[in-house]
Amino acid sequence: EEEDDDTEELLRELEKIKKERAEEKERQERENMELQEQKRQEEIATGNPLLHKDFSVKRSIGLALTESLDELIQAGKITPQLAMKVLVQ
């Protein structure tokens, strides 16, 4: 009977170890998924052209071009249609 008690205790200990390992594996998988999501969010943020300095330079140039075209239209030197063609290019 004492041998049966020892066997039962060993089995309980084995189950406890298995449970702890499964919990640890789940925790590691959760952490890995969180890190992957964090990287994905960073890639999304850095992939956004609105957040890059280059885009702000292009935007400034585009704004200057638009203002210049508006002045030319107001002065009657070009048509609005021509200005639109320039902007589309």
C-alpha atoms as a PDB file:
ATOM      1  CA  GLU A   1       0.000   0.000   0.000  1.00  0.00           C
ATOM      2  CA  GLU A   2       2.876   2.353   0.747  1.00  0.00           C
ATOM      3  CA  GLU A   3       4.188   1.687  -2.759  1.00  0.00           C
ATOM      4  CA  ASP A   4       0.798   2.678  -4.207  1.00  0.00           C
ATOM      5  CA  ASP A   5       0.905   5.921  -2.206  1.00  0.00           C
ATOM      6  CA  ASP A   6       4.389   6.677  -3.546  1.00  0.00           C
ATOM      7  CA  THR A   7       3.243   5.965  -7.100  1.00  0.00           C
ATOM      8  CA  GLU A   8       0.225   8.231  -6.705  1.00  0.00           C
ATOM      9  CA  GLU A   9       2.384  10.996  -5.292  1.00  0.00           C
ATOM     10  CA  LEU A  10       4.855  10.643  -8.152  1.00  0.00           C
ATOM     11  CA  LEU A  11       2.005  10.789 -10.667  1.00  0.00           C
ATOM     12  CA  ARG A  12       0.631  13.933  -9.003  1.00  0.00           C
ATOM     13  CA  GLU A  13       4.090  15.493  -9.100  1.00  0.00           C
ATOM     14  CA  LEU A  14       4.435  14.538 -12.769  1.00  0.00           C
ATOM     15  CA  GLU A  15       1.068  16.154 -13.573  1.00  0.00           C
ATOM     16  CA  LYS A  16       2.110  19.263 -11.664  1.00  0.00           C
ATOM     17  CA  ILE A  17       5.336  19.499 -13.682  1.00  0.00           C
ATOM     18  CA  LYS A  18       3.443  18.981 -16.955  1.00  0.00           C
ATOM     19  CA  LYS A  19       0.984  21.706 -15.998  1.00  0.00           C
ATOM     20  CA  GLU A  20       3.787  24.135 -15.097  1.00  0.00           C
ATOM     21  CA  ARG A  21       5.556  23.455 -18.389  1.00  0.00           C
ATOM     22  CA  ALA A  22       2.344  23.977 -20.357  1.00  0.00           C
ATOM     23  CA  GLU A  23       1.704  27.262 -18.539  1.00  0.00           C
ATOM     24  CA  GLU A  24       5.273  28.403 -19.214  1.00  0.00           C
ATOM     25  CA  LYS A  25       4.934  27.497 -22.888  1.00  0.00           C
ATOM     26  CA  GLU A  26       1.672  29.465 -23.120  1.00  0.00           C
ATOM     27  CA  ARG A  27       3.302  32.453 -21.419  1.00  0.00           C
ATOM     28  CA  GLN A  28       6.229  32.387 -23.842  1.00  0.00           C
ATOM     29  CA  GLU A  29       3.884  32.098 -26.834  1.00  0.00           C
ATOM     30  CA  ARG A  30       1.850  35.051 -25.532  1.00  0.00           C
ATOM     31  CA  GLU A  31       5.005  37.139 -25.109  1.00  0.00           C
ATOM     32  CA  ASN A  32       6.164  36.175 -28.596  1.00  0.00           C
ATOM     33  CA  MET A  33       2.810  37.176 -30.082  1.00  0.00           C
ATOM     34  CA  GLU A  34       2.914  40.497 -28.217  1.00  0.00           C
ATOM     35  CA  LEU A  35       6.417  41.200 -29.543  1.00  0.00           C
ATOM     36  CA  GLN A  36       5.332  40.348 -33.081  1.00  0.00           C
ATOM     37  CA  GLU A  37       2.331  42.655 -32.768  1.00  0.00           C
ATOM     38  CA  GLN A  38       4.577  45.410 -31.432  1.00  0.00           C
ATOM     39  CA  LYS A  39       6.949  44.990 -34.398  1.00  0.00           C
ATOM     40  CA  ARG A  40       3.996  45.007 -36.791  1.00  0.00           C
ATOM     41  CA  GLN A  41       2.693  48.246 -35.278  1.00  0.00           C
ATOM     42  CA  GLU A  42       6.160  49.810 -35.558  1.00  0.00           C
ATOM     43  CA  GLU A  43       6.384  48.771 -39.212  1.00  0.00           C
ATOM     44  CA  ILE A  44       2.970  50.265 -39.867  1.00  0.00           C
ATOM     45  CA  ALA A  45       3.975  53.513 -38.196  1.00  0.00           C
ATOM     46  CA  THR A  46       7.314  53.802 -39.964  1.00  0.00           C
ATOM     47  CA  GLY A  47       5.776  52.708 -43.245  1.00  0.00           C
ATOM     48  CA  ASN A  48       3.406  55.680 -43.171  1.00  0.00           C
ATOM     49  CA  PRO A  49       4.769  58.311 -45.572  1.00  0.00           C
ATOM     50  CA  LEU A  50       3.073  61.044 -43.566  1.00  0.00           C
ATOM     51  CA  LEU A  51       5.504  60.355 -40.732  1.00  0.00           C
ATOM     52  CA  HIS A  52       8.687  60.620 -42.822  1.00  0.00           C
ATOM     53  CA  LYS A  53      10.724  63.790 -43.217  1.00  0.00           C
ATOM     54  CA  ASP A  54      11.008  63.149 -46.964  1.00  0.00           C
ATOM     55  CA  PHE A  55       7.265  63.370 -47.259  1.00  0.00           C
ATOM     56  CA  SER A  56       7.152  66.713 -45.475  1.00  0.00           C
ATOM     57  CA  VAL A  57       9.726  68.075 -47.946  1.00  0.00           C
ATOM     58  CA  LYS A  58       7.689  66.772 -50.876  1.00  0.00           C
ATOM     59  CA  ARG A  59       4.584  68.230 -49.291  1.00  0.00           C
ATOM     60  CA  SER A  60       6.273  71.627 -48.972  1.00  0.00           C
ATOM     61  CA  ILE A  61       7.330  71.493 -52.615  1.00  0.00           C
ATOM     62  CA  GLY A  62       3.819  70.449 -53.613  1.00  0.00           C
ATOM     63  CA  LEU A  63       2.348  73.297 -51.611  1.00  0.00           C
ATOM     64  CA  ALA A  64       4.726  75.797 -53.208  1.00  0.00           C
ATOM     65  CA  LEU A  65       3.868  74.448 -56.657  1.00  0.00           C
ATOM     66  CA  THR A  66       0.152  74.715 -55.957  1.00  0.00           C
ATOM     67  CA  GLU A  67       0.525  78.291 -54.746  1.00  0.00           C
ATOM     68  CA  SER A  68       2.584  79.218 -57.816  1.00  0.00           C
ATOM     69  CA  LEU A  69       0.028  77.663 -60.144  1.00  0.00           C
ATOM     70  CA  ASP A  70      -2.760  79.548 -58.366  1.00  0.00           C
ATOM     71  CA  GLU A  71      -0.881  82.808 -58.918  1.00  0.00           C
ATOM     72  CA  LEU A  72      -0.436  82.010 -62.620  1.00  0.00           C
ATOM     73  CA  ILE A  73      -4.142  81.229 -62.964  1.00  0.00           C
ATOM     74  CA  GLN A  74      -5.064  84.473 -61.178  1.00  0.00           C
ATOM     75  CA  ALA A  75      -2.745  86.406 -63.500  1.00  0.00           C
ATOM     76  CA  GLY A  76      -4.413  84.761 -66.501  1.00  0.00           C
ATOM     77  CA  LYS A  77      -1.152  83.232 -67.694  1.00  0.00           C
ATOM     78  CA  ILE A  78      -2.369  79.614 -67.583  1.00  0.00           C
ATOM     79  CA  THR A  79      -5.740  77.889 -67.534  1.00  0.00           C
ATOM     80  CA  PRO A  80      -6.980  75.881 -64.555  1.00  0.00           C
ATOM     81  CA  GLN A  81      -6.966  72.791 -66.788  1.00  0.00           C
ATOM     82  CA  LEU A  82      -3.268  73.248 -67.504  1.00  0.00           C
ATOM     83  CA  ALA A  83      -2.576  73.712 -63.796  1.00  0.00           C
ATOM     84  CA  MET A  84      -4.384  70.441 -63.060  1.00  0.00           C
ATOM     85  CA  LYS A  85      -2.298  68.642 -65.686  1.00  0.00           C
ATOM     86  CA  VAL A  86       0.872  69.967 -64.070  1.00  0.00           C
ATOM     87  CA  LEU A  87      -0.265  68.837 -60.622  1.00  0.00           C
ATOM     88  CA  VAL A  88      -1.182  65.369 -61.867  1.00  0.00           C
ATOM     89  CA  GLN A  89       2.313  64.941 -63.301  1.00  0.00           C
END
